[in-house]
N, C-alpha and C. Protein backbone atom coordinates (compact mmCIF):
# COMPACT_ATOMS: atom_id res chain seq x y z
N MET A 1 -47.89 26.10 -10.62
CA MET A 1 -47.04 26.01 -9.46
C MET A 1 -46.23 24.72 -9.49
N GLY A 2 -46.80 23.62 -9.96
CA GLY A 2 -46.13 22.33 -10.03
C GLY A 2 -44.92 22.38 -10.98
N ARG A 3 -45.09 23.06 -12.12
CA ARG A 3 -43.99 23.17 -13.08
C ARG A 3 -42.83 23.98 -12.49
N LEU A 4 -43.17 25.01 -11.74
CA LEU A 4 -42.13 25.84 -11.11
C LEU A 4 -41.31 25.01 -10.14
N ARG A 5 -41.95 24.17 -9.34
CA ARG A 5 -41.22 23.30 -8.41
C ARG A 5 -40.31 22.34 -9.14
N ILE A 6 -40.80 21.78 -10.21
CA ILE A 6 -39.98 20.84 -11.00
C ILE A 6 -38.77 21.57 -11.59
N LEU A 7 -38.98 22.75 -12.13
CA LEU A 7 -37.87 23.52 -12.70
C LEU A 7 -36.85 23.91 -11.64
N VAL A 8 -37.32 24.30 -10.45
CA VAL A 8 -36.41 24.66 -9.37
C VAL A 8 -35.62 23.43 -8.92
N ALA A 9 -36.30 22.29 -8.78
CA ALA A 9 -35.63 21.05 -8.38
C ALA A 9 -34.58 20.65 -9.41
N LEU A 10 -34.90 20.77 -10.69
CA LEU A 10 -33.96 20.45 -11.76
C LEU A 10 -32.77 21.40 -11.73
N ALA A 11 -33.01 22.69 -11.54
CA ALA A 11 -31.93 23.66 -11.48
C ALA A 11 -30.99 23.39 -10.30
N VAL A 12 -31.55 23.06 -9.15
CA VAL A 12 -30.74 22.76 -7.96
C VAL A 12 -29.90 21.51 -8.22
N THR A 13 -30.49 20.50 -8.81
CA THR A 13 -29.77 19.26 -9.11
C THR A 13 -28.60 19.54 -10.05
N LEU A 14 -28.83 20.32 -11.07
CA LEU A 14 -27.77 20.64 -12.02
C LEU A 14 -26.65 21.43 -11.37
N VAL A 15 -27.00 22.40 -10.55
CA VAL A 15 -25.99 23.24 -9.89
C VAL A 15 -25.17 22.42 -8.92
N LEU A 16 -25.80 21.58 -8.14
CA LEU A 16 -25.08 20.77 -7.16
C LEU A 16 -24.24 19.68 -7.82
N GLY A 17 -24.60 19.26 -9.01
CA GLY A 17 -23.83 18.23 -9.70
C GLY A 17 -22.57 18.74 -10.35
N VAL A 18 -22.44 20.03 -10.59
CA VAL A 18 -21.28 20.60 -11.28
C VAL A 18 -19.98 20.46 -10.48
N PRO A 19 -19.92 20.75 -9.17
CA PRO A 19 -18.65 20.59 -8.45
C PRO A 19 -18.12 19.17 -8.48
N ALA A 20 -19.01 18.19 -8.37
CA ALA A 20 -18.56 16.80 -8.39
C ALA A 20 -17.97 16.46 -9.75
N ALA A 21 -18.60 16.91 -10.82
CA ALA A 21 -18.07 16.64 -12.15
C ALA A 21 -16.72 17.32 -12.32
N GLY A 22 -16.56 18.52 -11.79
CA GLY A 22 -15.28 19.21 -11.88
C GLY A 22 -14.19 18.47 -11.14
N ALA A 23 -14.50 17.91 -9.97
CA ALA A 23 -13.51 17.15 -9.19
C ALA A 23 -13.10 15.89 -9.94
N ASP A 24 -14.05 15.20 -10.56
CA ASP A 24 -13.73 14.00 -11.33
C ASP A 24 -12.80 14.34 -12.49
N THR A 25 -13.08 15.41 -13.17
CA THR A 25 -12.26 15.83 -14.30
C THR A 25 -10.85 16.16 -13.82
N PHE A 26 -10.74 16.87 -12.70
CA PHE A 26 -9.45 17.22 -12.15
C PHE A 26 -8.64 15.96 -11.81
N LEU A 27 -9.29 14.98 -11.16
CA LEU A 27 -8.61 13.76 -10.75
C LEU A 27 -8.15 12.96 -11.97
N LEU A 28 -9.00 12.81 -12.96
CA LEU A 28 -8.62 12.06 -14.15
C LEU A 28 -7.45 12.72 -14.87
N LYS A 29 -7.47 14.02 -14.96
CA LYS A 29 -6.37 14.75 -15.60
C LYS A 29 -5.08 14.55 -14.81
N ALA A 30 -5.16 14.60 -13.48
CA ALA A 30 -3.99 14.41 -12.64
C ALA A 30 -3.42 13.00 -12.80
N ILE A 31 -4.27 12.00 -12.88
CA ILE A 31 -3.81 10.62 -13.04
C ILE A 31 -3.09 10.45 -14.38
N ARG A 32 -3.63 11.02 -15.43
CA ARG A 32 -2.99 10.90 -16.75
C ARG A 32 -1.64 11.60 -16.80
N GLN A 33 -1.47 12.62 -15.97
CA GLN A 33 -0.23 13.39 -15.98
C GLN A 33 0.70 12.98 -14.85
N ALA A 34 0.52 11.79 -14.29
CA ALA A 34 1.35 11.33 -13.18
C ALA A 34 2.82 11.31 -13.59
N PRO A 35 3.70 11.83 -12.74
CA PRO A 35 5.12 11.80 -13.07
C PRO A 35 5.63 10.36 -13.10
N PRO A 36 6.62 10.08 -13.94
CA PRO A 36 7.15 8.73 -14.03
C PRO A 36 7.80 8.29 -12.72
N ASN A 37 7.87 6.98 -12.53
CA ASN A 37 8.51 6.42 -11.35
C ASN A 37 9.99 6.25 -11.65
N GLY A 38 10.78 7.24 -11.31
CA GLY A 38 12.22 7.19 -11.57
C GLY A 38 12.84 8.56 -11.39
N PRO A 39 14.12 8.67 -11.71
CA PRO A 39 14.85 9.93 -11.51
C PRO A 39 14.24 11.13 -12.25
N ALA A 40 13.59 10.88 -13.37
CA ALA A 40 12.99 11.97 -14.14
C ALA A 40 11.64 12.41 -13.56
N GLY A 41 11.13 11.66 -12.60
CA GLY A 41 9.83 11.97 -12.01
C GLY A 41 9.91 11.93 -10.50
N ILE A 42 9.11 11.05 -9.90
CA ILE A 42 9.12 10.85 -8.46
C ILE A 42 9.46 9.39 -8.19
N PRO A 43 10.70 9.11 -7.76
CA PRO A 43 11.06 7.73 -7.46
C PRO A 43 10.23 7.21 -6.28
N ARG A 44 9.65 6.02 -6.43
CA ARG A 44 8.83 5.44 -5.39
C ARG A 44 8.87 3.91 -5.48
N PRO A 45 8.45 3.24 -4.41
CA PRO A 45 8.50 1.78 -4.39
C PRO A 45 7.70 1.15 -5.52
N THR A 46 8.12 -0.06 -5.90
CA THR A 46 7.45 -0.78 -6.98
C THR A 46 6.82 -2.06 -6.45
N ARG A 47 5.88 -2.56 -7.21
CA ARG A 47 5.13 -3.78 -6.85
C ARG A 47 6.08 -4.92 -6.50
N GLY A 48 5.77 -5.61 -5.40
CA GLY A 48 6.54 -6.77 -4.99
C GLY A 48 7.62 -6.50 -3.96
N MET A 49 8.00 -5.23 -3.77
CA MET A 49 8.99 -4.93 -2.75
C MET A 49 8.41 -5.25 -1.37
N THR A 50 9.28 -5.62 -0.44
CA THR A 50 8.83 -5.89 0.93
C THR A 50 8.85 -4.60 1.74
N MET A 51 8.17 -4.63 2.87
CA MET A 51 8.18 -3.47 3.77
C MET A 51 9.61 -3.15 4.19
N ALA A 52 10.40 -4.18 4.46
CA ALA A 52 11.79 -3.97 4.89
C ALA A 52 12.60 -3.28 3.80
N SER A 53 12.42 -3.70 2.54
CA SER A 53 13.19 -3.07 1.47
C SER A 53 12.72 -1.63 1.21
N VAL A 54 11.42 -1.36 1.40
CA VAL A 54 10.92 0.01 1.26
C VAL A 54 11.55 0.90 2.33
N LEU A 55 11.58 0.42 3.57
CA LEU A 55 12.22 1.19 4.64
C LEU A 55 13.69 1.45 4.34
N LYS A 56 14.37 0.44 3.84
CA LYS A 56 15.80 0.56 3.54
C LYS A 56 16.07 1.58 2.43
N HIS A 57 15.29 1.54 1.36
CA HIS A 57 15.54 2.40 0.19
C HIS A 57 14.87 3.77 0.26
N TYR A 58 13.74 3.87 0.96
CA TYR A 58 12.97 5.12 0.94
C TYR A 58 12.84 5.78 2.32
N GLY A 59 13.29 5.11 3.35
CA GLY A 59 13.25 5.68 4.69
C GLY A 59 11.90 5.50 5.37
N THR A 60 11.82 6.07 6.56
CA THR A 60 10.61 5.97 7.37
C THR A 60 9.52 6.87 6.80
N PRO A 61 8.30 6.35 6.66
CA PRO A 61 7.21 7.19 6.15
C PRO A 61 6.79 8.24 7.17
N ALA A 62 6.14 9.27 6.69
CA ALA A 62 5.61 10.31 7.58
C ALA A 62 4.52 9.74 8.48
N LYS A 63 3.77 8.75 7.94
CA LYS A 63 2.67 8.16 8.70
C LYS A 63 2.45 6.72 8.25
N LYS A 64 2.28 5.83 9.22
CA LYS A 64 1.94 4.43 8.93
C LYS A 64 0.51 4.21 9.40
N LEU A 65 -0.34 3.79 8.48
CA LEU A 65 -1.74 3.52 8.83
C LEU A 65 -1.92 2.03 9.07
N ALA A 66 -2.74 1.68 10.02
CA ALA A 66 -2.96 0.28 10.39
C ALA A 66 -3.57 -0.51 9.24
N ALA A 67 -3.29 -1.81 9.26
CA ALA A 67 -3.85 -2.71 8.24
C ALA A 67 -5.37 -2.78 8.39
N VAL A 68 -6.04 -2.89 7.23
CA VAL A 68 -7.49 -2.95 7.19
C VAL A 68 -7.91 -4.10 6.27
N GLY A 69 -8.89 -4.87 6.67
CA GLY A 69 -9.50 -5.88 5.81
C GLY A 69 -8.75 -7.19 5.75
N LYS A 70 -9.26 -8.07 4.88
CA LYS A 70 -8.66 -9.38 4.63
C LYS A 70 -8.63 -9.58 3.14
N PRO A 71 -7.50 -9.72 2.50
CA PRO A 71 -6.17 -9.69 3.10
C PRO A 71 -5.88 -8.29 3.65
N PRO A 72 -4.96 -8.22 4.62
CA PRO A 72 -4.68 -6.93 5.24
C PRO A 72 -4.01 -5.96 4.27
N ILE A 73 -4.57 -4.76 4.15
CA ILE A 73 -4.00 -3.71 3.30
C ILE A 73 -3.50 -2.61 4.24
N THR A 74 -2.22 -2.30 4.12
CA THR A 74 -1.58 -1.28 4.95
C THR A 74 -1.15 -0.13 4.06
N ARG A 75 -1.23 1.09 4.58
CA ARG A 75 -0.78 2.27 3.83
C ARG A 75 0.33 2.96 4.59
N TRP A 76 1.34 3.36 3.85
CA TRP A 76 2.40 4.20 4.39
C TRP A 76 2.39 5.49 3.60
N ALA A 77 2.24 6.60 4.28
CA ALA A 77 2.18 7.91 3.62
C ALA A 77 3.55 8.60 3.68
N TYR A 78 4.11 8.86 2.52
CA TYR A 78 5.33 9.66 2.38
C TYR A 78 4.92 11.05 1.93
N LYS A 79 5.86 11.95 1.84
CA LYS A 79 5.54 13.34 1.49
C LYS A 79 4.87 13.46 0.12
N LYS A 80 5.39 12.75 -0.88
CA LYS A 80 4.90 12.91 -2.25
C LYS A 80 4.07 11.74 -2.77
N TYR A 81 3.99 10.65 -2.02
CA TYR A 81 3.25 9.48 -2.49
C TYR A 81 2.80 8.63 -1.31
N THR A 82 1.89 7.70 -1.59
CA THR A 82 1.41 6.74 -0.61
C THR A 82 1.70 5.35 -1.15
N VAL A 83 2.19 4.47 -0.28
CA VAL A 83 2.50 3.09 -0.66
C VAL A 83 1.44 2.18 -0.05
N TYR A 84 0.90 1.27 -0.86
CA TYR A 84 -0.10 0.31 -0.42
C TYR A 84 0.53 -1.08 -0.38
N PHE A 85 0.36 -1.76 0.75
CA PHE A 85 0.89 -3.09 0.94
C PHE A 85 -0.25 -4.09 1.13
N GLU A 86 -0.10 -5.28 0.56
CA GLU A 86 -0.95 -6.40 0.90
C GLU A 86 -0.05 -7.34 1.68
N ASP A 87 -0.41 -7.58 2.93
CA ASP A 87 0.44 -8.29 3.87
C ASP A 87 1.72 -7.47 4.01
N ARG A 88 2.85 -7.94 3.54
CA ARG A 88 4.09 -7.16 3.67
C ARG A 88 4.68 -6.76 2.32
N TYR A 89 3.93 -6.95 1.24
CA TYR A 89 4.43 -6.66 -0.10
C TYR A 89 3.72 -5.46 -0.73
N VAL A 90 4.48 -4.63 -1.45
CA VAL A 90 3.91 -3.47 -2.15
C VAL A 90 2.99 -3.97 -3.26
N ILE A 91 1.79 -3.40 -3.30
CA ILE A 91 0.90 -3.66 -4.44
C ILE A 91 0.79 -2.44 -5.35
N ASP A 92 1.07 -1.24 -4.78
CA ASP A 92 1.05 -0.03 -5.61
C ASP A 92 1.62 1.14 -4.80
N SER A 93 2.10 2.13 -5.51
CA SER A 93 2.49 3.40 -4.89
C SER A 93 1.88 4.50 -5.75
N VAL A 94 1.20 5.42 -5.09
CA VAL A 94 0.40 6.42 -5.79
C VAL A 94 0.86 7.82 -5.42
N VAL A 95 1.10 8.64 -6.43
CA VAL A 95 1.51 10.02 -6.20
C VAL A 95 0.37 10.78 -5.56
N ARG A 96 0.70 11.59 -4.56
CA ARG A 96 -0.31 12.39 -3.87
C ARG A 96 -0.58 13.65 -4.70
N TYR A 97 -1.85 13.99 -4.82
CA TYR A 97 -2.26 15.17 -5.57
C TYR A 97 -2.95 16.15 -4.63
N PRO A 98 -2.83 17.44 -4.91
CA PRO A 98 -3.56 18.41 -4.09
C PRO A 98 -5.06 18.22 -4.29
N ASN A 99 -5.82 18.68 -3.32
CA ASN A 99 -7.28 18.61 -3.45
C ASN A 99 -7.73 19.49 -4.59
N PRO A 100 -8.75 19.04 -5.34
CA PRO A 100 -9.26 19.86 -6.44
C PRO A 100 -9.87 21.15 -5.92
N PRO A 101 -9.85 22.20 -6.72
CA PRO A 101 -10.45 23.46 -6.28
C PRO A 101 -11.94 23.27 -6.05
N ARG A 102 -12.45 23.93 -5.03
CA ARG A 102 -13.88 23.83 -4.69
C ARG A 102 -14.61 25.07 -5.21
N SER A 103 -15.84 24.84 -5.63
CA SER A 103 -16.68 25.95 -6.08
C SER A 103 -17.24 26.66 -4.85
N PRO A 104 -17.39 27.99 -4.92
CA PRO A 104 -17.95 28.72 -3.77
C PRO A 104 -19.38 28.36 -3.46
């Protein structure tokens, strides 16, 4: 009976671990295939731009999230990407990806 419990526990662990591994694989593949930052891909703000210059060149974001932490990190969500600011300067802009498919 003890061996059966161990085998069942191992099987459950393996089954539950598969969706997470699939999501990681999906995310890594999506990151490697990120479209370029420019006319041939998805034009987006670059490191060092100010909030004012981002507003001027890219318009108002769909959503502005409040600053969090120290130094303050602010996020602006646009339709195809999210811009991350430290204080008032861009530190990165990341293309938004759809959620990975979920296992039933």
